[in-house]
Amino acid sequence: MSVSVIIKWGGQEYSISTLSEEDTVLDLKQSIKSLTGVLPERQKLLGLKVK
């Protein structure tokens, strides 16, 4: 089953739908890096909600 995440950065929203339930937080952060260029160690994940 895939997991969809919407992130906000720089006034824009990005959708990540390539994650699976087995992926780690580092996998999520690597996906965010590919979209925004922000290194994983510089990222903060805030306001996570499960639907």
C-alpha atoms as a PDB file:
ATOM      1  CA  MET A   1       0.000   0.000   0.000  1.00  0.00           C
ATOM      2  CA  SER A   2       1.352   3.439  -0.857  1.00  0.00           C
ATOM      3  CA  VAL A   3       1.393   6.481   1.397  1.00  0.00           C
ATOM      4  CA  SER A   4       0.781  10.032   0.177  1.00  0.00           C
ATOM      5  CA  VAL A   5       2.323  13.041   1.904  1.00  0.00           C
ATOM      6  CA  ILE A   6       1.842  16.722   1.138  1.00  0.00           C
ATOM      7  CA  ILE A   7       4.609  19.045   2.270  1.00  0.00           C
ATOM      8  CA  LYS A   8       4.794  22.823   2.285  1.00  0.00           C
ATOM      9  CA  TRP A   9       8.071  24.612   1.623  1.00  0.00           C
ATOM     10  CA  GLY A  10       8.916  28.016   0.238  1.00  0.00           C
ATOM     11  CA  GLY A  11       5.245  28.946  -0.124  1.00  0.00           C
ATOM     12  CA  GLN A  12       4.521  25.942  -2.335  1.00  0.00           C
ATOM     13  CA  GLU A  13       2.923  22.558  -1.745  1.00  0.00           C
ATOM     14  CA  TYR A  14       4.558  19.355  -2.951  1.00  0.00           C
ATOM     15  CA  SER A  15       2.917  15.941  -3.091  1.00  0.00           C
ATOM     16  CA  ILE A  16       4.917  12.774  -2.467  1.00  0.00           C
ATOM     17  CA  SER A  17       3.061   9.592  -3.388  1.00  0.00           C
ATOM     18  CA  THR A  18       5.990   7.243  -3.994  1.00  0.00           C
ATOM     19  CA  LEU A  19       6.288   6.080  -0.376  1.00  0.00           C
ATOM     20  CA  SER A  20       5.303   2.655   0.874  1.00  0.00           C
ATOM     21  CA  GLU A  21       4.377   1.605   4.410  1.00  0.00           C
ATOM     22  CA  GLU A  22       7.833   0.015   4.777  1.00  0.00           C
ATOM     23  CA  ASP A  23       9.723   3.237   4.004  1.00  0.00           C
ATOM     24  CA  THR A  24      11.543   5.019   6.812  1.00  0.00           C
ATOM     25  CA  VAL A  25      11.634   8.674   7.833  1.00  0.00           C
ATOM     26  CA  LEU A  26      14.989   8.909   6.048  1.00  0.00           C
ATOM     27  CA  ASP A  27      13.307   7.685   2.844  1.00  0.00           C
ATOM     28  CA  LEU A  28      10.714  10.451   3.242  1.00  0.00           C
ATOM     29  CA  LYS A  29      13.429  13.028   3.857  1.00  0.00           C
ATOM     30  CA  GLN A  30      15.340  11.867   0.763  1.00  0.00           C
ATOM     31  CA  SER A  31      12.154  12.341  -1.292  1.00  0.00           C
ATOM     32  CA  ILE A  32      11.765  15.831   0.156  1.00  0.00           C
ATOM     33  CA  LYS A  33      15.402  16.578  -0.730  1.00  0.00           C
ATOM     34  CA  SER A  34      14.813  15.596  -4.357  1.00  0.00           C
ATOM     35  CA  LEU A  35      11.899  18.065  -4.561  1.00  0.00           C
ATOM     36  CA  THR A  36      13.249  20.991  -2.550  1.00  0.00           C
ATOM     37  CA  GLY A  37      17.019  20.587  -2.395  1.00  0.00           C
ATOM     38  CA  VAL A  38      16.958  20.798   1.424  1.00  0.00           C
ATOM     39  CA  LEU A  39      19.341  18.285   3.018  1.00  0.00           C
ATOM     40  CA  PRO A  40      17.698  15.693   5.322  1.00  0.00           C
ATOM     41  CA  GLU A  41      19.686  16.870   8.348  1.00  0.00           C
ATOM     42  CA  ARG A  42      18.282  20.399   7.825  1.00  0.00           C
ATOM     43  CA  GLN A  43      14.632  19.253   7.619  1.00  0.00           C
ATOM     44  CA  LYS A  44      12.036  19.342  10.384  1.00  0.00           C
ATOM     45  CA  LEU A  45       8.826  17.379  10.006  1.00  0.00           C
ATOM     46  CA  LEU A  46       6.014  19.241  11.741  1.00  0.00           C
ATOM     47  CA  GLY A  47       2.274  18.721  11.961  1.00  0.00           C
ATOM     48  CA  LEU A  48       2.170  15.113  10.783  1.00  0.00           C
ATOM     49  CA  LYS A  49      -1.399  13.805  10.672  1.00  0.00           C
ATOM     50  CA  VAL A  50      -2.695  10.348   9.860  1.00  0.00           C
ATOM     51  CA  LYS A  51      -5.901  10.047   7.856  1.00  0.00           C
END
